[in-house]
């Protein structure tokens, strides 16, 4: 009897265990229809709810304003403005797929031993207008961006005001962040991608703005060319405008002589070229060189000089007639002098532009360092030693005022700076063009100043001194204090 009682007790225990397991399995099946308490949906705690109930709560949260942070500013964004919409059908599928993973046997064992599933955030599908997002971000950027500011000209103190750092919105990265934030029911806030920008360094464009501001009160026409010969950066004002080329056109004559004659070993020619480049009154030496270049015909010498300029691509520069030769020069048409609004009334015998003059100076500078196009010209290359001689001769041009002080562009340079220059002038046009050679800060500066009838010498000297002074400050960092 005792044995029978034990058997019944065993079967009872088994029955109770089976009943308990069945009961637990029924409860587990019921739990499968509800989101576990350790799970969230789109960041929102919706544990214990069915999929539809969870979607209702999430959708309500998605319709609340989103806090958007732009640095220290907080903007409230209404999802309606971006056409935000919960895709319930796709979201329902995503949630069902995640819930179906709980059908595995191990999930029942975890339930049986009261081990909740690991925390997990379930995704949903949210639609939003990409175009509305972009437009909204552009408007935010328009209102709150503060782009960095380059150094600005300070005419009163003749220097540059320091640049200012800034910050700008990264539109593409912010759009990605905003799209993700709109798909989160919690938390309802996000930070835009704002990039801090340092203050820009002083650039040649800033120097150009100084020139433009300085020249606002000038009632004539100014043509300017600046070239950083080390970095290659260029700035121009009226660079393609034709001006009288008197004075500066002696430089291509010297190069044409170097092309067809020997400037390295011919002492007599070297002396005439040196005199032409250093003495403004040396018109006889200039005429001799043109006659020499033309094999006895100065007009032919002028043509050969122009041919060299054309070969170098300087189509706006020419010598149509020897400088003091009587007679009517042939009409030479160039892009620069074909403009209907030509305020400079250039000399029909010889013309150039600030750009052509500056580029020729750059070629001479490159040639002296065994580079550039001059050593490659046809019918007799121009040797680097010849270019070096021409530069050295130009550096000996000591044009000075009545007190013996440097004048025009040289007046704005710190003492001891080498300046290989070619000045020139008519009553209406004052010119100075050259290369400042200061090692790591070599640069070319060309300035043409024109006023009809008379460009006063004193005014031209003052303006060129000022323009050269601020340029030297830009490149050399050592402004003159006069």
Protein backbone atom coordinates (compact mmCIF):
# COMPACT_ATOMS: atom_id res chain seq x y z
CA UNK A 1 0.00 0.00 0.00
CA UNK A 2 2.83 2.34 0.81
CA UNK A 3 4.36 1.52 -2.55
CA UNK A 4 1.07 2.36 -4.28
CA UNK A 5 0.85 5.62 -2.35
CA UNK A 6 4.35 6.58 -3.44
CA UNK A 7 3.51 5.80 -7.01
CA UNK A 8 0.43 8.02 -6.84
CA UNK A 9 2.44 10.81 -5.27
CA UNK A 10 5.02 10.55 -8.03
CA UNK A 11 2.37 10.71 -10.66
CA UNK A 12 0.84 13.66 -8.86
CA UNK A 13 4.09 15.50 -8.81
CA UNK A 14 4.59 14.78 -12.50
CA UNK A 15 1.08 15.96 -13.16
CA UNK A 16 1.63 19.12 -11.19
CA UNK A 17 4.90 19.73 -13.06
CA UNK A 18 3.28 19.16 -16.40
CA UNK A 19 0.40 21.41 -15.40
CA UNK A 20 2.83 24.07 -14.23
CA UNK A 21 4.75 23.86 -17.53
CA UNK A 22 1.57 24.03 -19.54
CA UNK A 23 0.41 26.99 -17.49
CA UNK A 24 3.80 28.71 -17.96
CA UNK A 25 3.75 27.97 -21.66
CA UNK A 26 0.32 29.55 -21.98
CA UNK A 27 1.59 32.60 -20.15
CA UNK A 28 4.68 32.62 -22.41
CA UNK A 29 2.45 32.51 -25.47
CA UNK A 30 0.52 35.45 -24.12
CA UNK A 31 3.80 37.29 -23.50
CA UNK A 32 4.81 36.69 -27.08
CA UNK A 33 2.09 39.08 -28.15
CA UNK A 34 3.48 41.86 -25.98
CA UNK A 35 6.76 43.75 -26.18
CA UNK A 36 9.14 42.78 -23.35
CA UNK A 37 9.70 45.35 -20.66
CA UNK A 38 13.43 45.36 -21.43
CA UNK A 39 12.81 46.41 -25.01
CA UNK A 40 12.13 49.87 -26.39
CA UNK A 41 10.69 50.98 -29.69
CA UNK A 42 12.37 53.97 -31.37
CA UNK A 43 13.89 54.81 -28.00
CA UNK A 44 10.51 54.82 -26.21
CA UNK A 45 9.67 52.48 -23.29
CA UNK A 46 6.55 50.60 -24.38
CA UNK A 47 7.09 47.28 -22.58
CA UNK A 48 3.99 45.23 -21.89
CA UNK A 49 2.07 46.67 -24.87
CA UNK A 50 1.00 44.96 -28.02
CA UNK A 51 2.53 45.98 -31.33
CA UNK A 52 -0.46 48.14 -32.25
CA UNK A 53 -0.57 49.77 -28.83
CA UNK A 54 3.16 50.45 -29.01
CA UNK A 55 2.82 51.98 -32.47
CA UNK A 56 0.04 54.25 -31.22
CA UNK A 57 2.24 55.56 -28.41
CA UNK A 58 5.25 55.94 -30.72
CA UNK A 59 3.25 57.77 -33.36
CA UNK A 60 1.95 60.20 -30.78
CA UNK A 61 5.52 60.88 -29.61
CA UNK A 62 6.73 61.35 -33.18
CA UNK A 63 4.21 64.13 -33.67
CA UNK A 64 5.60 66.19 -30.79
CA UNK A 65 8.11 68.99 -31.55
CA UNK A 66 11.77 68.07 -31.81
CA UNK A 67 14.35 70.13 -29.92
CA UNK A 68 17.15 70.98 -32.34
CA UNK A 69 20.36 72.47 -30.98
CA UNK A 70 22.49 74.82 -33.06
CA UNK A 71 25.48 75.43 -30.79
CA UNK A 72 23.92 77.21 -27.76
CA UNK A 73 20.59 77.90 -29.51
CA UNK A 74 17.57 75.61 -29.19
CA UNK A 75 15.06 75.49 -32.03
CA UNK A 76 11.67 73.78 -31.83
CA UNK A 77 10.92 71.87 -35.00
CA UNK A 78 7.36 70.78 -35.76
CA UNK A 79 7.48 67.42 -37.60
CA UNK A 80 4.52 68.55 -39.70
CA UNK A 81 6.79 71.11 -41.36
CA UNK A 82 8.96 68.28 -42.68
CA UNK A 83 6.07 66.00 -43.63
CA UNK A 84 7.11 63.40 -41.06
CA UNK A 85 4.93 60.27 -41.19
CA UNK A 86 5.08 56.90 -39.45
CA UNK A 87 4.90 54.05 -41.96
CA UNK A 88 2.77 51.76 -39.79
CA UNK A 89 2.70 48.84 -42.18
CA UNK A 90 6.48 48.61 -42.54
CA UNK A 91 6.99 49.36 -38.86
CA UNK A 92 4.55 46.61 -37.95
CA UNK A 93 6.56 44.17 -40.08
CA UNK A 94 9.81 45.22 -38.40
CA UNK A 95 8.34 44.70 -34.94
CA UNK A 96 6.82 41.34 -35.86
CA UNK A 97 10.16 40.12 -37.20
CA UNK A 98 11.82 41.08 -33.93
CA UNK A 99 9.04 39.45 -31.86
CA UNK A 100 9.21 36.26 -33.95
CA UNK A 101 12.75 35.68 -32.72
CA UNK A 102 11.27 34.97 -29.27
CA UNK A 103 9.63 31.80 -30.60
CA UNK A 104 12.90 29.90 -30.09
CA UNK A 105 12.92 27.23 -27.30
CA UNK A 106 15.64 29.09 -25.44
CA UNK A 107 13.29 32.03 -25.09
CA UNK A 108 10.78 29.81 -23.21
CA UNK A 109 13.52 28.58 -20.90
CA UNK A 110 14.52 32.20 -20.19
CA UNK A 111 10.88 32.96 -19.45
CA UNK A 112 10.57 29.91 -17.26
CA UNK A 113 13.55 30.95 -15.14
CA UNK A 114 12.42 34.53 -15.10
CA UNK A 115 15.33 35.77 -17.19
CA UNK A 116 14.13 38.74 -19.24
CA UNK A 117 15.47 39.14 -22.78
CA UNK A 118 18.50 41.44 -23.15
CA UNK A 119 17.71 45.13 -23.63
CA UNK A 120 17.05 46.04 -27.23
CA UNK A 121 15.73 49.02 -29.18
CA UNK A 122 13.45 48.06 -32.05
CA UNK A 123 13.53 50.22 -35.20
CA UNK A 124 10.55 51.64 -37.01
CA UNK A 125 10.05 53.15 -40.44
CA UNK A 126 9.53 56.92 -40.62
CA UNK A 127 9.13 58.93 -43.82
CA UNK A 128 10.16 62.58 -44.11
CA UNK A 129 10.59 64.99 -47.01
CA UNK A 130 14.30 65.23 -47.88
CA UNK A 131 13.66 68.47 -49.73
CA UNK A 132 11.84 70.01 -46.75
CA UNK A 133 14.74 68.97 -44.50
CA UNK A 134 17.26 70.58 -46.84
CA UNK A 135 15.29 73.81 -47.11
CA UNK A 136 14.84 73.99 -43.36
CA UNK A 137 18.55 73.49 -42.76
CA UNK A 138 19.41 76.13 -45.37
CA UNK A 139 17.20 78.60 -43.55
CA UNK A 140 18.84 77.73 -40.23
CA UNK A 141 22.24 78.25 -41.81
CA UNK A 142 21.13 81.59 -43.26
CA UNK A 143 20.01 82.81 -39.86
CA UNK A 144 22.76 81.52 -37.60
CA UNK A 145 25.87 80.79 -39.61
CA UNK A 146 28.73 83.21 -39.08
CA UNK A 147 31.28 82.42 -41.78
CA UNK A 148 34.88 83.25 -40.95
CA UNK A 149 35.93 86.69 -42.10
CA UNK A 150 39.17 87.34 -43.92
CA UNK A 151 41.44 90.17 -42.80
CA UNK A 152 39.95 93.47 -43.94
CA UNK A 153 41.79 96.57 -45.18
CA UNK A 154 42.31 99.32 -42.64
CA UNK A 155 42.95 102.44 -44.69
CA UNK A 156 43.20 104.69 -41.67
CA UNK A 157 46.12 102.78 -40.15
CA UNK A 158 47.37 101.45 -43.49
CA UNK A 159 47.28 97.83 -42.45
CA UNK A 160 44.84 94.92 -42.21
CA UNK A 161 42.37 94.23 -39.45
CA UNK A 162 42.75 90.63 -38.24
CA UNK A 163 40.36 88.04 -39.58
CA UNK A 164 37.54 86.60 -37.47
CA UNK A 165 36.83 82.90 -36.83
CA UNK A 166 33.34 81.63 -37.55
CA UNK A 167 31.06 78.64 -37.68
CA UNK A 168 28.97 77.13 -40.46
CA UNK A 169 26.36 74.39 -40.60
CA UNK A 170 27.36 71.15 -42.28
CA UNK A 171 24.18 70.66 -44.31
CA UNK A 172 24.72 67.07 -45.45
CA UNK A 173 25.81 65.70 -42.07
CA UNK A 174 23.07 67.64 -40.27
CA UNK A 175 20.49 66.23 -42.69
CA UNK A 176 21.61 62.70 -41.80
CA UNK A 177 21.40 63.44 -38.09
CA UNK A 178 18.01 65.10 -38.40
CA UNK A 179 16.62 62.23 -40.45
CA UNK A 180 17.73 59.80 -37.75
CA UNK A 181 16.36 61.98 -34.93
CA UNK A 182 12.96 62.25 -36.61
CA UNK A 183 12.74 58.45 -36.52
CA UNK A 184 13.26 58.37 -32.74
CA UNK A 185 10.30 58.74 -30.42
CA UNK A 186 12.68 59.41 -27.53
CA UNK A 187 14.64 61.46 -26.82
CA UNK A 188 13.05 64.25 -28.82
CA UNK A 189 16.19 66.32 -29.26
CA UNK A 190 19.31 66.37 -31.41
CA UNK A 191 22.32 68.56 -32.20
CA UNK A 192 23.11 69.83 -35.66
CA UNK A 193 26.61 69.44 -37.10
CA UNK A 194 28.15 72.89 -36.80
CA UNK A 195 31.76 73.25 -37.92
CA UNK A 196 34.03 75.77 -36.27
CA UNK A 197 36.15 77.63 -38.79
CA UNK A 198 39.40 79.37 -37.87
CA UNK A 199 40.09 82.92 -38.99
CA UNK A 200 41.47 82.80 -42.55
CA UNK A 201 45.06 83.75 -43.11
CA UNK A 202 45.88 86.94 -44.94
CA UNK A 203 45.45 86.25 -48.66
CA UNK A 204 46.24 88.03 -51.88
CA UNK A 205 42.51 88.64 -52.26
CA UNK A 206 42.62 90.70 -49.05
CA UNK A 207 45.46 92.75 -50.53
CA UNK A 208 43.31 93.23 -53.61
CA UNK A 209 40.45 94.53 -51.45
CA UNK A 210 42.87 97.02 -49.91
CA UNK A 211 43.81 98.21 -53.40
CA UNK A 212 40.18 98.52 -54.44
CA UNK A 213 39.31 100.52 -51.32
CA UNK A 214 42.35 102.73 -51.73
CA UNK A 215 41.58 103.49 -55.38
CA UNK A 216 37.94 104.45 -54.80
CA UNK A 217 38.91 108.12 -54.58
CA UNK A 218 41.11 108.00 -57.70
CA UNK A 219 39.36 109.68 -60.64
CA UNK A 220 41.66 108.15 -63.25
CA UNK A 221 42.25 104.59 -64.46
CA UNK A 222 44.52 102.19 -62.60
CA UNK A 223 45.88 98.92 -63.95
CA UNK A 224 47.55 96.62 -61.43
CA UNK A 225 49.13 93.17 -61.54
CA UNK A 226 50.48 91.32 -58.47
CA UNK A 227 52.06 87.87 -58.62
CA UNK A 228 53.40 85.81 -55.76
CA UNK A 229 56.36 84.31 -57.58
CA UNK A 230 56.84 81.58 -54.98
CA UNK A 231 53.24 80.45 -54.49
CA UNK A 232 51.91 81.36 -57.95
CA UNK A 233 48.88 83.35 -56.75
CA UNK A 234 47.83 86.36 -58.87
CA UNK A 235 45.62 89.40 -58.40
CA UNK A 236 44.81 91.94 -61.10
CA UNK A 237 42.83 95.11 -61.63
CA UNK A 238 42.24 96.09 -65.26
CA UNK A 239 44.86 93.50 -66.12
CA UNK A 240 43.67 93.23 -69.73
CA UNK A 241 43.37 96.98 -70.40
CA UNK A 242 45.71 98.52 -72.98
CA UNK A 243 48.09 101.25 -71.77
CA UNK A 244 50.93 103.11 -73.40
CA UNK A 245 54.00 100.95 -73.05
CA UNK A 246 56.68 103.62 -72.95
CA UNK A 247 59.49 102.66 -70.62
CA UNK A 248 58.33 99.12 -69.83
CA UNK A 249 58.67 98.04 -73.48
CA UNK A 250 62.43 98.32 -73.11
CA UNK A 251 62.30 94.97 -71.32
CA UNK A 252 61.13 92.93 -74.36
CA UNK A 253 63.75 94.74 -76.47
CA UNK A 254 66.43 93.49 -74.08
CA UNK A 255 65.01 89.95 -74.29
CA UNK A 256 64.86 90.10 -78.11
CA UNK A 257 68.52 91.13 -78.15
CA UNK A 258 69.34 88.22 -75.84
CA UNK A 259 67.48 85.88 -78.19
CA UNK A 260 69.31 86.85 -81.37
CA UNK A 261 72.63 88.15 -80.05
CA UNK A 262 75.17 87.16 -77.40
CA UNK A 263 74.71 89.05 -74.16
CA UNK A 264 77.03 86.84 -72.18
CA UNK A 265 80.32 87.59 -73.97
CA UNK A 266 79.60 90.73 -76.04
CA UNK A 267 80.66 93.53 -73.71
CA UNK A 268 79.56 96.33 -76.06
CA UNK A 269 76.01 95.05 -76.36
CA UNK A 270 75.89 94.34 -72.64
CA UNK A 271 76.82 97.94 -71.97
CA UNK A 272 74.11 99.29 -74.29
CA UNK A 273 71.44 97.00 -72.78
CA UNK A 274 72.54 98.00 -69.29
CA UNK A 275 72.31 101.69 -70.22
CA UNK A 276 68.87 101.23 -71.81
CA UNK A 277 67.50 99.51 -68.70
CA UNK A 278 68.98 101.87 -66.11
CA UNK A 279 68.94 105.34 -67.72
CA UNK A 280 65.56 106.81 -68.62
CA UNK A 281 67.25 109.30 -70.96
CA UNK A 282 69.09 106.59 -72.91
CA UNK A 283 66.94 106.78 -76.06
CA UNK A 284 69.99 106.66 -78.34
CA UNK A 285 71.04 103.34 -76.80
CA UNK A 286 67.49 102.05 -77.29
CA UNK A 287 67.48 103.09 -80.95
CA UNK A 288 70.90 101.51 -81.48
CA UNK A 289 69.65 98.24 -80.07
CA UNK A 290 66.54 98.25 -82.28
CA UNK A 291 68.71 99.00 -85.30
CA UNK A 292 71.10 96.21 -84.28
CA UNK A 293 68.17 93.83 -83.78
CA UNK A 294 66.81 94.72 -87.23
CA UNK A 295 70.13 94.31 -89.02
CA UNK A 296 70.30 98.03 -89.71
CA UNK A 297 66.54 98.64 -89.87
CA UNK A 298 64.98 99.84 -86.57
CA UNK A 299 61.50 99.08 -87.90
CA UNK A 300 62.57 95.47 -88.42
CA UNK A 301 63.93 95.45 -84.88
CA UNK A 302 60.53 96.57 -83.59
CA UNK A 303 58.85 93.80 -85.60
CA UNK A 304 61.19 91.16 -84.18
CA UNK A 305 60.50 92.35 -80.65
CA UNK A 306 56.76 92.08 -81.29
CA UNK A 307 57.23 88.63 -82.84
CA UNK A 308 58.92 87.44 -79.65
CA UNK A 309 56.02 88.76 -77.57
CA UNK A 310 53.54 86.94 -79.82
CA UNK A 311 55.50 83.70 -79.52
CA UNK A 312 55.33 84.06 -75.75
CA UNK A 313 51.55 84.48 -75.92
CA UNK A 314 51.58 88.17 -74.98
CA UNK A 315 49.17 89.22 -77.71
CA UNK A 316 48.32 92.61 -76.22
CA UNK A 317 51.88 93.95 -76.27
CA UNK A 318 53.73 95.32 -79.30
CA UNK A 319 56.18 97.87 -80.67
CA UNK A 320 54.70 99.08 -83.94
CA UNK A 321 57.30 101.78 -84.57
CA UNK A 322 60.74 102.74 -83.22
CA UNK A 323 60.41 104.99 -80.22
CA UNK A 324 61.58 108.33 -81.67
CA UNK A 325 61.42 107.49 -85.35
CA UNK A 326 59.38 109.96 -87.43
CA UNK A 327 56.48 108.67 -89.46
CA UNK A 328 53.06 107.15 -88.93
CA UNK A 329 53.02 103.73 -87.25
CA UNK A 330 50.89 100.95 -88.72
CA UNK A 331 47.68 100.26 -86.86
CA UNK A 332 47.99 97.22 -84.62
CA UNK A 333 44.75 95.69 -83.34
CA UNK A 334 44.80 93.63 -80.18
CA UNK A 335 42.07 92.27 -77.88
CA UNK A 336 43.07 94.86 -75.30
CA UNK A 337 42.81 97.91 -77.57
CA UNK A 338 39.67 96.69 -79.32
CA UNK A 339 37.44 97.60 -76.42
CA UNK A 340 34.92 100.33 -77.26
CA UNK A 341 35.41 101.87 -73.81
CA UNK A 342 39.17 102.50 -73.87
CA UNK A 343 39.78 105.26 -71.33
CA UNK A 344 43.58 105.07 -71.43
CA UNK A 345 44.16 106.30 -75.04
CA UNK A 346 47.29 104.16 -75.45
CA UNK A 347 50.17 105.22 -77.71
CA UNK A 348 49.68 103.55 -81.12
CA UNK A 349 53.46 103.02 -81.38
CA UNK A 350 53.83 100.80 -78.31
CA UNK A 351 51.28 99.23 -76.04
CA UNK A 352 51.01 96.63 -73.31
CA UNK A 353 48.73 95.61 -70.45
CA UNK A 354 49.44 95.17 -66.74
CA UNK A 355 48.97 91.42 -67.16
CA UNK A 356 51.33 91.11 -70.14
CA UNK A 357 53.96 93.15 -68.31
CA UNK A 358 53.58 91.10 -65.15
CA UNK A 359 53.71 87.78 -67.01
CA UNK A 360 56.85 88.90 -68.86
CA UNK A 361 58.47 89.78 -65.53
CA UNK A 362 57.53 86.33 -64.24
CA UNK A 363 59.07 84.69 -67.31
CA UNK A 364 62.29 86.66 -66.77
CA UNK A 365 62.33 85.58 -63.11
CA UNK A 366 61.81 81.92 -64.10
CA UNK A 367 64.44 82.10 -66.84
CA UNK A 368 67.06 83.37 -64.39
CA UNK A 369 66.39 80.16 -62.45
CA UNK A 370 66.64 78.00 -65.58
CA UNK A 371 62.87 77.61 -66.00
CA UNK A 372 59.87 79.04 -67.79
CA UNK A 373 59.38 79.51 -71.54
CA UNK A 374 62.21 81.94 -72.37
CA UNK A 375 64.95 79.28 -72.59
CA UNK A 376 62.68 77.35 -74.98
CA UNK A 377 61.90 80.02 -77.60
CA UNK A 378 62.68 79.13 -81.18
CA UNK A 379 65.43 80.65 -83.33
CA UNK A 380 67.83 81.11 -80.44
CA UNK A 381 67.02 80.36 -76.84
CA UNK A 382 67.42 83.02 -74.16
CA UNK A 383 70.03 81.77 -71.72
CA UNK A 384 69.50 81.89 -67.93
CA UNK A 385 72.74 83.88 -67.62
CA UNK A 386 71.27 86.51 -69.97
CA UNK A 387 68.09 86.72 -67.93
CA UNK A 388 70.16 87.06 -64.78
CA UNK A 389 72.11 89.91 -66.36
CA UNK A 390 68.88 91.70 -67.38
CA UNK A 391 67.49 91.35 -63.83
CA UNK A 392 70.72 92.65 -62.34
CA UNK A 393 70.67 95.62 -64.71
CA UNK A 394 67.04 96.40 -63.82
CA UNK A 395 67.97 96.27 -60.13
CA UNK A 396 70.48 99.07 -60.82
CA UNK A 397 67.75 101.45 -61.97
CA UNK A 398 68.10 104.14 -59.32
CA UNK A 399 65.26 106.45 -60.31
CA UNK A 400 65.12 109.00 -57.50
CA UNK A 401 63.50 112.33 -56.61
CA UNK A 402 65.22 115.72 -56.26
CA UNK A 403 66.43 114.78 -52.78
CA UNK A 404 67.94 111.55 -54.02
CA UNK A 405 65.25 109.37 -52.43
CA UNK A 406 63.70 106.35 -54.19
CA UNK A 407 60.53 107.20 -56.02
CA UNK A 408 57.43 105.51 -57.47
CA UNK A 409 57.16 101.86 -56.30
CA UNK A 410 60.67 101.84 -54.82
CA UNK A 411 59.58 104.51 -52.32
CA UNK A 412 57.32 102.00 -50.55
CA UNK A 413 59.96 99.31 -50.01
CA UNK A 414 61.98 98.73 -46.84
CA UNK A 415 65.67 99.65 -47.16
CA UNK A 416 67.97 97.01 -48.56
CA UNK A 417 65.35 95.15 -50.61
CA UNK A 418 66.40 94.35 -54.19
CA UNK A 419 63.96 95.74 -56.75
CA UNK A 420 64.47 94.94 -60.45
CA UNK A 421 62.24 97.49 -62.13
CA UNK A 422 61.31 99.21 -65.36
CA UNK A 423 59.52 102.55 -64.93
CA UNK A 424 58.10 104.75 -67.66
CA UNK A 425 55.82 107.70 -68.18
CA UNK A 426 53.94 110.06 -70.44
CA UNK A 427 52.00 113.14 -69.38
CA UNK A 428 48.86 111.01 -69.02
CA UNK A 429 50.31 107.69 -67.83
CA UNK A 430 52.78 106.84 -65.06
CA UNK A 431 54.22 103.33 -64.92
CA UNK A 432 56.41 101.26 -62.67
CA UNK A 433 56.83 97.52 -62.91
CA UNK A 434 59.30 95.22 -61.28
CA UNK A 435 60.23 92.23 -59.19
CA UNK A 436 60.86 92.53 -55.46
CA UNK A 437 63.47 89.90 -54.61
CA UNK A 438 63.42 89.02 -50.93
CA UNK A 439 64.13 85.30 -50.92
CA UNK A 440 61.02 83.35 -49.82
CA UNK A 441 58.73 86.32 -50.58
CA UNK A 442 59.64 87.29 -54.15
CA UNK A 443 56.80 89.01 -55.98
CA UNK A 444 56.04 91.00 -59.12
CA UNK A 445 54.20 94.31 -58.88
CA UNK A 446 53.02 96.30 -61.89
CA UNK A 447 51.16 99.62 -61.59
CA UNK A 448 49.81 101.80 -64.40
CA UNK A 449 48.12 105.10 -63.48
CA UNK A 450 46.34 107.11 -66.18
CA UNK A 451 44.39 110.33 -66.19
CA UNK A 452 43.44 112.22 -69.38
CA UNK A 453 45.54 115.31 -70.14
CA UNK A 454 47.75 115.03 -67.03
CA UNK A 455 48.54 112.45 -64.39
CA UNK A 456 50.36 114.64 -61.87
CA UNK A 457 53.78 113.28 -60.99
CA UNK A 458 53.48 114.00 -57.27
CA UNK A 459 50.16 112.21 -57.05
CA UNK A 460 51.49 109.22 -58.99
CA UNK A 461 54.53 109.06 -56.69
CA UNK A 462 52.32 109.15 -53.60
CA UNK A 463 49.91 106.51 -54.88
CA UNK A 464 52.63 104.13 -56.05
CA UNK A 465 54.49 104.56 -52.76
CA UNK A 466 51.32 103.69 -50.83
CA UNK A 467 50.46 100.69 -53.01
CA UNK A 468 54.02 99.39 -52.83
CA UNK A 469 54.13 99.95 -49.07
CA UNK A 470 51.06 97.86 -48.31
CA UNK A 471 52.23 95.17 -50.76
CA UNK A 472 55.59 94.99 -49.00
CA UNK A 473 53.78 94.71 -45.67
CA UNK A 474 51.72 91.84 -47.08
CA UNK A 475 54.67 89.88 -48.48
CA UNK A 476 57.51 90.89 -46.20
CA UNK A 477 55.78 91.87 -42.97
CA UNK A 478 58.03 94.92 -42.63
CA UNK A 479 56.10 98.06 -43.61
CA UNK A 480 57.83 101.38 -43.97
CA UNK A 481 56.97 103.94 -41.28
CA UNK A 482 56.95 107.04 -43.43
